[in-house]
C-alpha atoms as a PDB file:
ATOM      1  CA  UNK A   1     -59.896  55.127 -16.107  1.00  0.00           C
ATOM      2  CA  UNK A   2     -57.593  57.611 -17.834  1.00  0.00           C
ATOM      3  CA  UNK A   3     -56.755  60.456 -15.350  1.00  0.00           C
ATOM      4  CA  UNK A   4     -57.341  63.040 -18.029  1.00  0.00           C
ATOM      5  CA  UNK A   5     -60.882  61.618 -18.573  1.00  0.00           C
ATOM      6  CA  UNK A   6     -61.517  62.115 -14.762  1.00  0.00           C
ATOM      7  CA  UNK A   7     -60.283  65.685 -15.033  1.00  0.00           C
ATOM      8  CA  UNK A   8     -62.568  66.221 -18.086  1.00  0.00           C
ATOM      9  CA  UNK A   9     -65.573  64.930 -16.168  1.00  0.00           C
ATOM     10  CA  UNK A  10     -64.834  67.183 -13.223  1.00  0.00           C
ATOM     11  CA  UNK A  11     -64.346  70.169 -15.471  1.00  0.00           C
ATOM     12  CA  UNK A  12     -67.638  69.547 -17.342  1.00  0.00           C
ATOM     13  CA  UNK A  13     -69.455  69.163 -14.050  1.00  0.00           C
ATOM     14  CA  UNK A  14     -68.012  72.414 -12.657  1.00  0.00           C
ATOM     15  CA  UNK A  15     -68.181  74.491 -15.853  1.00  0.00           C
ATOM     16  CA  UNK A  16     -71.337  73.238 -17.587  1.00  0.00           C
ATOM     17  CA  UNK A  17     -73.199  71.613 -14.616  1.00  0.00           C
ATOM     18  CA  UNK A  18     -73.430  68.295 -16.475  1.00  0.00           C
ATOM     19  CA  UNK A  19     -72.308  64.766 -15.568  1.00  0.00           C
ATOM     20  CA  UNK A  20     -71.108  62.374 -18.255  1.00  0.00           C
ATOM     21  CA  UNK A  21     -70.274  58.704 -18.378  1.00  0.00           C
ATOM     22  CA  UNK A  22     -67.318  57.876 -20.545  1.00  0.00           C
ATOM     23  CA  UNK A  23     -66.608  54.295 -21.724  1.00  0.00           C
ATOM     24  CA  UNK A  24     -63.811  52.924 -23.884  1.00  0.00           C
ATOM     25  CA  UNK A  25     -64.664  52.876 -27.606  1.00  0.00           C
ATOM     26  CA  UNK A  26     -64.852  49.215 -28.510  1.00  0.00           C
ATOM     27  CA  UNK A  27     -63.944  49.840 -32.193  1.00  0.00           C
ATOM     28  CA  UNK A  28     -60.630  51.666 -31.474  1.00  0.00           C
ATOM     29  CA  UNK A  29     -58.677  48.484 -32.051  1.00  0.00           C
ATOM     30  CA  UNK A  30     -59.643  48.643 -35.802  1.00  0.00           C
ATOM     31  CA  UNK A  31     -57.833  51.994 -36.107  1.00  0.00           C
ATOM     32  CA  UNK A  32     -54.280  52.204 -37.438  1.00  0.00           C
ATOM     33  CA  UNK A  33     -51.563  51.421 -34.838  1.00  0.00           C
ATOM     34  CA  UNK A  34     -50.155  54.921 -34.954  1.00  0.00           C
ATOM     35  CA  UNK A  35     -53.520  56.510 -33.772  1.00  0.00           C
ATOM     36  CA  UNK A  36     -53.857  54.041 -30.902  1.00  0.00           C
ATOM     37  CA  UNK A  37     -50.285  55.004 -29.909  1.00  0.00           C
ATOM     38  CA  UNK A  38     -51.275  58.704 -29.910  1.00  0.00           C
ATOM     39  CA  UNK A  39     -54.672  58.480 -28.272  1.00  0.00           C
ATOM     40  CA  UNK A  40     -57.086  56.793 -25.964  1.00  0.00           C
ATOM     41  CA  UNK A  41     -60.751  56.789 -27.223  1.00  0.00           C
ATOM     42  CA  UNK A  42     -63.872  57.079 -25.099  1.00  0.00           C
ATOM     43  CA  UNK A  43     -67.576  57.326 -26.004  1.00  0.00           C
ATOM     44  CA  UNK A  44     -69.693  59.924 -24.112  1.00  0.00           C
ATOM     45  CA  UNK A  45     -72.960  61.717 -24.468  1.00  0.00           C
ATOM     46  CA  UNK A  46     -72.825  65.598 -24.150  1.00  0.00           C
ATOM     47  CA  UNK A  47     -76.212  67.353 -24.139  1.00  0.00           C
ATOM     48  CA  UNK A  48     -77.755  64.201 -25.662  1.00  0.00           C
ATOM     49  CA  UNK A  49     -75.229  64.106 -28.548  1.00  0.00           C
ATOM     50  CA  UNK A  50     -73.018  61.036 -28.872  1.00  0.00           C
ATOM     51  CA  UNK A  51     -69.383  62.124 -28.993  1.00  0.00           C
ATOM     52  CA  UNK A  52     -65.987  60.484 -29.259  1.00  0.00           C
ATOM     53  CA  UNK A  53     -63.325  61.770 -26.811  1.00  0.00           C
ATOM     54  CA  UNK A  54     -59.913  61.584 -28.487  1.00  0.00           C
ATOM     55  CA  UNK A  55     -57.636  61.700 -25.460  1.00  0.00           C
ATOM     56  CA  UNK A  56     -54.069  62.652 -26.252  1.00  0.00           C
ATOM     57  CA  UNK A  57     -51.331  60.442 -24.636  1.00  0.00           C
ATOM     58  CA  UNK A  58     -48.673  63.126 -25.541  1.00  0.00           C
ATOM     59  CA  UNK A  59     -47.581  65.726 -22.975  1.00  0.00           C
ATOM     60  CA  UNK A  60     -46.361  68.007 -25.773  1.00  0.00           C
ATOM     61  CA  UNK A  61     -48.642  69.893 -28.111  1.00  0.00           C
ATOM     62  CA  UNK A  62     -49.376  68.163 -31.386  1.00  0.00           C
ATOM     63  CA  UNK A  63     -49.616  70.414 -34.473  1.00  0.00           C
ATOM     64  CA  UNK A  64     -53.197  71.254 -35.297  1.00  0.00           C
ATOM     65  CA  UNK A  65     -52.630  70.149 -38.978  1.00  0.00           C
ATOM     66  CA  UNK A  66     -51.673  66.680 -37.692  1.00  0.00           C
ATOM     67  CA  UNK A  67     -54.723  66.502 -35.407  1.00  0.00           C
ATOM     68  CA  UNK A  68     -56.910  67.428 -38.412  1.00  0.00           C
ATOM     69  CA  UNK A  69     -55.460  64.494 -40.377  1.00  0.00           C
ATOM     70  CA  UNK A  70     -56.000  62.166 -37.411  1.00  0.00           C
ATOM     71  CA  UNK A  71     -59.624  63.303 -37.143  1.00  0.00           C
ATOM     72  CA  UNK A  72     -60.295  62.724 -40.814  1.00  0.00           C
ATOM     73  CA  UNK A  73     -58.903  59.148 -40.403  1.00  0.00           C
ATOM     74  CA  UNK A  74     -61.180  58.436 -37.433  1.00  0.00           C
ATOM     75  CA  UNK A  75     -64.188  60.045 -39.087  1.00  0.00           C
ATOM     76  CA  UNK A  76     -64.356  57.159 -41.497  1.00  0.00           C
ATOM     77  CA  UNK A  77     -65.430  54.998 -38.691  1.00  0.00           C
ATOM     78  CA  UNK A  78     -67.268  57.570 -36.465  1.00  0.00           C
ATOM     79  CA  UNK A  79     -70.020  59.816 -37.864  1.00  0.00           C
ATOM     80  CA  UNK A  80     -70.677  61.890 -34.701  1.00  0.00           C
ATOM     81  CA  UNK A  81     -68.639  64.751 -33.245  1.00  0.00           C
ATOM     82  CA  UNK A  82     -65.037  63.972 -32.258  1.00  0.00           C
ATOM     83  CA  UNK A  83     -63.463  66.052 -29.446  1.00  0.00           C
ATOM     84  CA  UNK A  84     -59.740  66.354 -28.966  1.00  0.00           C
ATOM     85  CA  UNK A  85     -58.697  66.359 -25.366  1.00  0.00           C
ATOM     86  CA  UNK A  86     -55.284  67.490 -24.120  1.00  0.00           C
ATOM     87  CA  UNK A  87     -53.817  68.405 -20.838  1.00  0.00           C
ATOM     88  CA  UNK A  88     -52.457  71.651 -22.141  1.00  0.00           C
ATOM     89  CA  UNK A  89     -52.624  73.536 -25.416  1.00  0.00           C
ATOM     90  CA  UNK A  90     -50.654  76.723 -26.182  1.00  0.00           C
ATOM     91  CA  UNK A  91     -52.623  79.852 -27.018  1.00  0.00           C
ATOM     92  CA  UNK A  92     -51.054  79.797 -30.536  1.00  0.00           C
ATOM     93  CA  UNK A  93     -52.280  76.223 -31.166  1.00  0.00           C
ATOM     94  CA  UNK A  94     -55.600  76.956 -29.643  1.00  0.00           C
ATOM     95  CA  UNK A  95     -56.148  79.730 -32.278  1.00  0.00           C
ATOM     96  CA  UNK A  96     -55.116  77.382 -35.072  1.00  0.00           C
ATOM     97  CA  UNK A  97     -57.474  74.597 -33.734  1.00  0.00           C
ATOM     98  CA  UNK A  98     -60.321  77.125 -33.792  1.00  0.00           C
ATOM     99  CA  UNK A  99     -59.401  78.290 -37.324  1.00  0.00           C
ATOM    100  CA  UNK A 100     -59.573  74.626 -38.460  1.00  0.00           C
ATOM    101  CA  UNK A 101     -62.908  74.101 -36.533  1.00  0.00           C
ATOM    102  CA  UNK A 102     -61.454  71.249 -34.461  1.00  0.00           C
ATOM    103  CA  UNK A 103     -63.461  70.717 -31.236  1.00  0.00           C
ATOM    104  CA  UNK A 104     -61.233  70.579 -28.151  1.00  0.00           C
ATOM    105  CA  UNK A 105     -61.271  70.575 -24.428  1.00  0.00           C
ATOM    106  CA  UNK A 106     -58.399  71.363 -22.041  1.00  0.00           C
ATOM    107  CA  UNK A 107     -59.784  70.088 -18.634  1.00  0.00           C
ATOM    108  CA  UNK A 108     -59.891  72.967 -16.112  1.00  0.00           C
ATOM    109  CA  UNK A 109     -58.997  75.553 -18.650  1.00  0.00           C
ATOM    110  CA  UNK A 110     -60.517  75.816 -22.093  1.00  0.00           C
ATOM    111  CA  UNK A 111     -63.200  74.434 -24.357  1.00  0.00           C
ATOM    112  CA  UNK A 112     -64.302  74.950 -27.958  1.00  0.00           C
ATOM    113  CA  UNK A 113     -67.288  72.767 -29.028  1.00  0.00           C
ATOM    114  CA  UNK A 114     -68.951  74.538 -31.984  1.00  0.00           C
ATOM    115  CA  UNK A 115     -71.154  71.561 -32.897  1.00  0.00           C
ATOM    116  CA  UNK A 116     -72.689  71.708 -29.417  1.00  0.00           C
ATOM    117  CA  UNK A 117     -73.075  75.487 -29.453  1.00  0.00           C
ATOM    118  CA  UNK A 118     -70.250  76.177 -26.978  1.00  0.00           C
ATOM    119  CA  UNK A 119     -67.643  78.671 -28.268  1.00  0.00           C
ATOM    120  CA  UNK A 120     -64.505  79.308 -26.406  1.00  0.00           C
ATOM    121  CA  UNK A 121     -64.635  83.046 -27.360  1.00  0.00           C
ATOM    122  CA  UNK A 122     -67.986  83.634 -25.792  1.00  0.00           C
ATOM    123  CA  UNK A 123     -68.137  80.941 -23.120  1.00  0.00           C
ATOM    124  CA  UNK A 124     -64.628  80.389 -21.686  1.00  0.00           C
ATOM    125  CA  UNK A 125     -64.120  84.043 -20.855  1.00  0.00           C
ATOM    126  CA  UNK A 126     -67.273  83.922 -18.741  1.00  0.00           C
ATOM    127  CA  UNK A 127     -66.155  80.740 -16.962  1.00  0.00           C
ATOM    128  CA  UNK A 128     -62.651  81.975 -16.584  1.00  0.00           C
ATOM    129  CA  UNK A 129     -63.785  85.246 -14.891  1.00  0.00           C
ATOM    130  CA  UNK A 130     -66.044  83.248 -12.479  1.00  0.00           C
ATOM    131  CA  UNK A 131     -63.439  80.791 -11.284  1.00  0.00           C
ATOM    132  CA  UNK A 132     -64.196  79.964  -7.724  1.00  0.00           C
ATOM    133  CA  UNK A 133     -60.408  80.184  -6.853  1.00  0.00           C
ATOM    134  CA  UNK A 134     -59.819  83.513  -8.464  1.00  0.00           C
ATOM    135  CA  UNK A 135     -58.609  86.135  -5.932  1.00  0.00           C
ATOM    136  CA  UNK A 136     -60.656  89.236  -5.236  1.00  0.00           C
ATOM    137  CA  UNK A 137     -59.168  92.498  -6.663  1.00  0.00           C
ATOM    138  CA  UNK A 138     -57.860  93.504  -3.244  1.00  0.00           C
ATOM    139  CA  UNK A 139     -56.198  90.234  -2.654  1.00  0.00           C
ATOM    140  CA  UNK A 140     -54.572  90.382  -6.157  1.00  0.00           C
ATOM    141  CA  UNK A 141     -53.378  93.947  -5.340  1.00  0.00           C
ATOM    142  CA  UNK A 142     -51.671  92.642  -2.234  1.00  0.00           C
ATOM    143  CA  UNK A 143     -49.936  89.925  -4.291  1.00  0.00           C
ATOM    144  CA  UNK A 144     -48.790  92.395  -6.890  1.00  0.00           C
ATOM    145  CA  UNK A 145     -47.532  94.801  -4.263  1.00  0.00           C
ATOM    146  CA  UNK A 146     -45.564  91.982  -2.605  1.00  0.00           C
ATOM    147  CA  UNK A 147     -43.996  90.924  -5.863  1.00  0.00           C
ATOM    148  CA  UNK A 148     -42.907  94.472  -6.642  1.00  0.00           C
ATOM    149  CA  UNK A 149     -41.676  95.394  -3.201  1.00  0.00           C
ATOM    150  CA  UNK A 150     -37.929  95.305  -2.353  1.00  0.00           C
ATOM    151  CA  UNK A 151     -36.580  92.719   0.128  1.00  0.00           C
ATOM    152  CA  UNK A 152     -38.849  90.031   1.433  1.00  0.00           C
ATOM    153  CA  UNK A 153     -40.342  91.848   4.343  1.00  0.00           C
ATOM    154  CA  UNK A 154     -42.958  90.971   7.012  1.00  0.00           C
ATOM    155  CA  UNK A 155     -46.356  92.272   5.888  1.00  0.00           C
ATOM    156  CA  UNK A 156     -49.390  93.008   8.148  1.00  0.00           C
ATOM    157  CA  UNK A 157     -52.926  94.030   7.338  1.00  0.00           C
ATOM    158  CA  UNK A 158     -52.650  97.416   9.065  1.00  0.00           C
ATOM    159  CA  UNK A 159     -49.451  98.251   7.147  1.00  0.00           C
ATOM    160  CA  UNK A 160     -50.795  97.172   3.789  1.00  0.00           C
ATOM    161  CA  UNK A 161     -54.091  99.018   4.415  1.00  0.00           C
ATOM    162  CA  UNK A 162     -52.197 102.247   4.850  1.00  0.00           C
ATOM    163  CA  UNK A 163     -49.959 101.680   1.772  1.00  0.00           C
ATOM    164  CA  UNK A 164     -52.691 100.493  -0.618  1.00  0.00           C
ATOM    165  CA  UNK A 165     -55.648 102.571   0.435  1.00  0.00           C
ATOM    166  CA  UNK A 166     -57.877  99.780   1.525  1.00  0.00           C
ATOM    167  CA  UNK A 167     -59.734  99.311   4.785  1.00  0.00           C
ATOM    168  CA  UNK A 168     -58.210  97.059   7.435  1.00  0.00           C
ATOM    169  CA  UNK A 169     -61.164  94.687   7.102  1.00  0.00           C
ATOM    170  CA  UNK A 170     -60.588  94.354   3.289  1.00  0.00           C
ATOM    171  CA  UNK A 171     -56.865  93.455   3.807  1.00  0.00           C
ATOM    172  CA  UNK A 172     -57.758  91.085   6.626  1.00  0.00           C
ATOM    173  CA  UNK A 173     -60.098  89.256   4.211  1.00  0.00           C
ATOM    174  CA  UNK A 174     -57.280  89.315   1.640  1.00  0.00           C
ATOM    175  CA  UNK A 175     -54.935  87.618   4.159  1.00  0.00           C
ATOM    176  CA  UNK A 176     -57.630  84.973   4.699  1.00  0.00           C
ATOM    177  CA  UNK A 177     -57.765  84.245   0.917  1.00  0.00           C
ATOM    178  CA  UNK A 178     -53.958  84.000   0.756  1.00  0.00           C
ATOM    179  CA  UNK A 179     -53.820  81.670   3.733  1.00  0.00           C
ATOM    180  CA  UNK A 180     -56.447  79.340   2.185  1.00  0.00           C
ATOM    181  CA  UNK A 181     -54.403  79.276  -0.987  1.00  0.00           C
ATOM    182  CA  UNK A 182     -51.325  78.332   1.160  1.00  0.00           C
ATOM    183  CA  UNK A 183     -49.158  81.052  -0.251  1.00  0.00           C
ATOM    184  CA  UNK A 184     -46.270  82.149   1.996  1.00  0.00           C
ATOM    185  CA  UNK A 185     -46.099  81.778   5.656  1.00  0.00           C
ATOM    186  CA  UNK A 186     -48.457  83.298   8.298  1.00  0.00           C
ATOM    187  CA  UNK A 187     -47.742  84.054  11.908  1.00  0.00           C
ATOM    188  CA  UNK A 188     -50.054  85.221  14.665  1.00  0.00           C
ATOM    189  CA  UNK A 189     -48.582  88.242  16.537  1.00  0.00           C
ATOM    190  CA  UNK A 190     -50.963  89.455  19.208  1.00  0.00           C
ATOM    191  CA  UNK A 191     -54.291  90.398  17.557  1.00  0.00           C
ATOM    192  CA  UNK A 192     -52.783  90.677  14.028  1.00  0.00           C
ATOM    193  CA  UNK A 193     -51.352  88.258  11.622  1.00  0.00           C
ATOM    194  CA  UNK A 194     -48.147  88.794   9.633  1.00  0.00           C
ATOM    195  CA  UNK A 195     -47.259  87.364   6.249  1.00  0.00           C
ATOM    196  CA  UNK A 196     -43.862  86.517   4.976  1.00  0.00           C
ATOM    197  CA  UNK A 197     -42.897  85.428   1.406  1.00  0.00           C
ATOM    198  CA  UNK A 198     -39.477  83.691   1.379  1.00  0.00           C
ATOM    199  CA  UNK A 199     -39.315  83.386  -2.433  1.00  0.00           C
ATOM    200  CA  UNK A 200     -41.124  85.915  -4.720  1.00  0.00           C
ATOM    201  CA  UNK A 201     -40.616  83.943  -7.932  1.00  0.00           C
ATOM    202  CA  UNK A 202     -42.229  80.944  -6.272  1.00  0.00           C
ATOM    203  CA  UNK A 203     -45.057  83.257  -5.170  1.00  0.00           C
ATOM    204  CA  UNK A 204     -45.648  84.328  -8.769  1.00  0.00           C
ATOM    205  CA  UNK A 205     -45.665  80.763 -10.046  1.00  0.00           C
ATOM    206  CA  UNK A 206     -47.989  79.512  -7.304  1.00  0.00           C
ATOM    207  CA  UNK A 207     -50.354  82.514  -7.369  1.00  0.00           C
ATOM    208  CA  UNK A 208     -50.811  82.682 -11.192  1.00  0.00           C
ATOM    209  CA  UNK A 209     -53.697  80.213 -11.141  1.00  0.00           C
ATOM    210  CA  UNK A 210     -55.582  82.523  -8.706  1.00  0.00           C
ATOM    211  CA  UNK A 211     -54.787  85.756 -10.591  1.00  0.00           C
ATOM    212  CA  UNK A 212     -56.812  87.129 -13.418  1.00  0.00           C
ATOM    213  CA  UNK A 213     -56.768  90.026 -15.810  1.00  0.00           C
ATOM    214  CA  UNK A 214     -57.561  93.278 -13.917  1.00  0.00           C
ATOM    215  CA  UNK A 215     -59.406  94.652 -17.045  1.00  0.00           C
ATOM    216  CA  UNK A 216     -63.017  95.359 -16.290  1.00  0.00           C
ATOM    217  CA  UNK A 217     -63.831  97.032 -19.590  1.00  0.00           C
ATOM    218  CA  UNK A 218     -62.119  98.331 -22.796  1.00  0.00           C
ATOM    219  CA  UNK A 219     -63.225 101.625 -24.391  1.00  0.00           C
ATOM    220  CA  UNK A 220     -62.147 103.651 -27.458  1.00  0.00           C
ATOM    221  CA  UNK A 221     -61.890 107.379 -27.415  1.00  0.00           C
ATOM    222  CA  UNK A 222     -61.473 110.085 -30.028  1.00  0.00           C
ATOM    223  CA  UNK A 223     -59.395 112.150 -27.566  1.00  0.00           C
ATOM    224  CA  UNK A 224     -58.320 112.101 -23.933  1.00  0.00           C
ATOM    225  CA  UNK A 225     -55.533 112.584 -21.409  1.00  0.00           C
ATOM    226  CA  UNK A 226     -54.270 109.533 -19.497  1.00  0.00           C
ATOM    227  CA  UNK A 227     -51.100 108.861 -17.529  1.00  0.00           C
ATOM    228  CA  UNK A 228     -50.403 105.100 -17.629  1.00  0.00           C
ATOM    229  CA  UNK A 229     -49.476 103.077 -20.738  1.00  0.00           C
ATOM    230  CA  UNK A 230     -50.923  99.581 -20.776  1.00  0.00           C
ATOM    231  CA  UNK A 231     -51.431  96.630 -23.188  1.00  0.00           C
ATOM    232  CA  UNK A 232     -49.102  96.356 -26.136  1.00  0.00           C
ATOM    233  CA  UNK A 233     -48.045 100.004 -25.574  1.00  0.00           C
ATOM    234  CA  UNK A 234     -46.610  98.958 -22.211  1.00  0.00           C
ATOM    235  CA  UNK A 235     -45.200  95.669 -23.448  1.00  0.00           C
ATOM    236  CA  UNK A 236     -43.174  97.617 -26.100  1.00  0.00           C
ATOM    237  CA  UNK A 237     -41.349  99.206 -23.138  1.00  0.00           C
ATOM    238  CA  UNK A 238     -40.409  95.841 -21.561  1.00  0.00           C
ATOM    239  CA  UNK A 239     -39.564  93.967 -24.822  1.00  0.00           C
ATOM    240  CA  UNK A 240     -38.659  94.278 -28.449  1.00  0.00           C
ATOM    241  CA  UNK A 241     -42.296  94.105 -29.721  1.00  0.00           C
ATOM    242  CA  UNK A 242     -43.605  97.081 -31.672  1.00  0.00           C
ATOM    243  CA  UNK A 243     -46.163  99.414 -30.082  1.00  0.00           C
ATOM    244  CA  UNK A 244     -49.698  99.368 -31.498  1.00  0.00           C
ATOM    245  CA  UNK A 245     -50.904 101.894 -33.983  1.00  0.00           C
ATOM    246  CA  UNK A 246     -53.396 103.160 -31.331  1.00  0.00           C
ATOM    247  CA  UNK A 247     -51.895 103.846 -27.945  1.00  0.00           C
ATOM    248  CA  UNK A 248     -53.308 101.880 -24.999  1.00  0.00           C
ATOM    249  CA  UNK A 249     -53.709 103.321 -21.485  1.00  0.00           C
ATOM    250  CA  UNK A 250     -55.089 101.978 -18.126  1.00  0.00           C
ATOM    251  CA  UNK A 251     -57.107 103.703 -15.416  1.00  0.00           C
ATOM    252  CA  UNK A 252     -58.772 102.395 -12.243  1.00  0.00           C
ATOM    253  CA  UNK A 253     -62.475 101.939 -11.972  1.00  0.00           C
ATOM    254  CA  UNK A 254     -62.895 104.581  -9.241  1.00  0.00           C
ATOM    255  CA  UNK A 255     -60.765 107.074 -11.226  1.00  0.00           C
ATOM    256  CA  UNK A 256     -62.852 106.353 -14.302  1.00  0.00           C
ATOM    257  CA  UNK A 257     -65.983 107.243 -12.365  1.00  0.00           C
ATOM    258  CA  UNK A 258     -64.584 110.748 -12.315  1.00  0.00           C
ATOM    259  CA  UNK A 259     -64.390 110.783 -16.130  1.00  0.00           C
ATOM    260  CA  UNK A 260     -66.073 114.158 -16.262  1.00  0.00           C
ATOM    261  CA  UNK A 261     -62.624 115.510 -15.376  1.00  0.00           C
ATOM    262  CA  UNK A 262     -61.277 114.188 -18.684  1.00  0.00           C
ATOM    263  CA  UNK A 263     -61.807 115.521 -22.199  1.00  0.00           C
ATOM    264  CA  UNK A 264     -63.331 112.368 -23.721  1.00  0.00           C
ATOM    265  CA  UNK A 265     -65.589 111.146 -26.397  1.00  0.00           C
ATOM    266  CA  UNK A 266     -66.352 107.494 -26.205  1.00  0.00           C
ATOM    267  CA  UNK A 267     -66.715 105.551 -29.490  1.00  0.00           C
ATOM    268  CA  UNK A 268     -68.488 102.253 -30.162  1.00  0.00           C
ATOM    269  CA  UNK A 269     -65.514 100.734 -32.063  1.00  0.00           C
ATOM    270  CA  UNK A 270     -61.866 101.262 -32.620  1.00  0.00           C
ATOM    271  CA  UNK A 271     -62.297 102.394 -36.242  1.00  0.00           C
ATOM    272  CA  UNK A 272     -62.055 106.162 -35.633  1.00  0.00           C
ATOM    273  CA  UNK A 273     -60.401 105.993 -32.201  1.00  0.00           C
ATOM    274  CA  UNK A 274     -57.176 107.904 -31.267  1.00  0.00           C
ATOM    275  CA  UNK A 275     -56.612 105.771 -28.151  1.00  0.00           C
ATOM    276  CA  UNK A 276     -57.776 102.741 -26.287  1.00  0.00           C
ATOM    277  CA  UNK A 277     -58.439 102.728 -22.541  1.00  0.00           C
ATOM    278  CA  UNK A 278     -58.508  99.732 -20.163  1.00  0.00           C
ATOM    279  CA  UNK A 279     -60.618 100.241 -17.028  1.00  0.00           C
ATOM    280  CA  UNK A 280     -59.079  98.151 -14.272  1.00  0.00           C
ATOM    281  CA  UNK A 281     -60.428  96.593 -11.071  1.00  0.00           C
ATOM    282  CA  UNK A 282     -57.683  98.283  -9.150  1.00  0.00           C
ATOM    283  CA  UNK A 283     -55.721 101.543  -9.650  1.00  0.00           C
ATOM    284  CA  UNK A 284     -52.779 100.891 -12.046  1.00  0.00           C
ATOM    285  CA  UNK A 285     -51.017 103.913 -10.703  1.00  0.00           C
ATOM    286  CA  UNK A 286     -50.357 102.024  -7.421  1.00  0.00           C
ATOM    287  CA  UNK A 287     -47.668 100.001  -9.140  1.00  0.00           C
ATOM    288  CA  UNK A 288     -46.827 101.915 -12.387  1.00  0.00           C
ATOM    289  CA  UNK A 289     -43.289 103.043 -12.939  1.00  0.00           C
ATOM    290  CA  UNK A 290     -42.295 105.723 -15.422  1.00  0.00           C
ATOM    291  CA  UNK A 291     -45.823 106.008 -16.690  1.00  0.00           C
ATOM    292  CA  UNK A 292     -46.055 102.196 -17.558  1.00  0.00           C
ATOM    293  CA  UNK A 293     -48.196  99.517 -15.783  1.00  0.00           C
ATOM    294  CA  UNK A 294     -46.373  96.918 -13.656  1.00  0.00           C
ATOM    295  CA  UNK A 295     -45.142  93.803 -15.520  1.00  0.00           C
ATOM    296  CA  UNK A 296     -47.197  91.307 -13.487  1.00  0.00           C
ATOM    297  CA  UNK A 297     -50.557  93.060 -14.076  1.00  0.00           C
ATOM    298  CA  UNK A 298     -49.552  93.559 -17.750  1.00  0.00           C
ATOM    299  CA  UNK A 299     -48.753  89.824 -18.095  1.00  0.00           C
ATOM    300  CA  UNK A 300     -52.251  88.964 -16.795  1.00  0.00           C
ATOM    301  CA  UNK A 301     -53.930  91.303 -19.205  1.00  0.00           C
ATOM    302  CA  UNK A 302     -52.143  89.751 -22.276  1.00  0.00           C
ATOM    303  CA  UNK A 303     -51.543  86.109 -21.357  1.00  0.00           C
ATOM    304  CA  UNK A 304     -54.465  84.913 -23.446  1.00  0.00           C
ATOM    305  CA  UNK A 305     -53.722  87.215 -26.365  1.00  0.00           C
ATOM    306  CA  UNK A 306     -53.146  84.304 -28.765  1.00  0.00           C
ATOM    307  CA  UNK A 307     -50.339  85.938 -30.634  1.00  0.00           C
ATOM    308  CA  UNK A 308     -47.078  83.976 -30.370  1.00  0.00           C
ATOM    309  CA  UNK A 309     -44.996  87.146 -30.693  1.00  0.00           C
ATOM    310  CA  UNK A 310     -46.861  88.539 -27.606  1.00  0.00           C
ATOM    311  CA  UNK A 311     -46.196  85.301 -25.761  1.00  0.00           C
ATOM    312  CA  UNK A 312     -42.511  85.507 -26.419  1.00  0.00           C
ATOM    313  CA  UNK A 313     -42.406  89.140 -25.405  1.00  0.00           C
ATOM    314  CA  UNK A 314     -44.197  88.322 -22.114  1.00  0.00           C
ATOM    315  CA  UNK A 315     -41.743  85.612 -21.357  1.00  0.00           C
ATOM    316  CA  UNK A 316     -38.937  88.012 -22.165  1.00  0.00           C
ATOM    317  CA  UNK A 317     -40.386  90.567 -19.772  1.00  0.00           C
ATOM    318  CA  UNK A 318     -40.747  88.077 -16.914  1.00  0.00           C
ATOM    319  CA  UNK A 319     -37.179  86.746 -17.402  1.00  0.00           C
ATOM    320  CA  UNK A 320     -35.815  90.291 -16.969  1.00  0.00           C
ATOM    321  CA  UNK A 321     -37.370  90.692 -13.571  1.00  0.00           C
ATOM    322  CA  UNK A 322     -34.890  90.784 -10.752  1.00  0.00           C
ATOM    323  CA  UNK A 323     -36.438  88.657  -8.015  1.00  0.00           C
END
């Protein structure tokens, strides 16, 4: 069976707690040759609904307009929902697929199935934030610290606990998560382990699947005093992208709990707001420089923005990092 179909079955089992049987669509040979060259076709039932899985054979993204034309062709022979399945879809194309109401699944990553009542915008975010392999905030803090530190140094739980303000037990648990993820090299030295990262760029590439946006909540304020720029305000410092009309700031959750120290008036929407504030799972001041959040945490907050200009600006920012 097509490997992408196996990945799809595993994804649906993990994300939606359902098992599906997929079998080759017997009528696919009656389709035009160009469609058979583009896709494999499988029949499956999702929540009791008969669906046709249109499995892309292409590694590169197909234009959503082209996919729409292909769907219209196939719909002449299939009256039930058709789901486009691709290994990867750029955030820009994902947005365009949604705009054209094209159901799609990216196994292990995204899904948009409006005919079945599953919407990426309200469902995927919940699934993404509950990924079983997502690092805890403290482990993510250790990774960000390591990426931003100078030379590749030997790190220990006791040393990191002092620098990051966590307990020794918390950092020990973080080391356990990192070891399970097979990131870097670990050595036992007496009663304490040490961690060494030979290549920071490799750490970033390997750890990204375990990292998530640190944003816990977004709020809008009529007024307030905050130190650290975030979001597009921060990205404008790292790239040529223009800053937003409303400045964006970040603050740690513990610091936000002391909000009575700030002159604030929280608003229900951004309509009359003078600023936007992101409340983070860890303190952005730990890694901020010149009043701007660190580039790695910033990347994680904006990677699913959906705007191709933002994607290019993020790539520009990462490319400028001196590893």
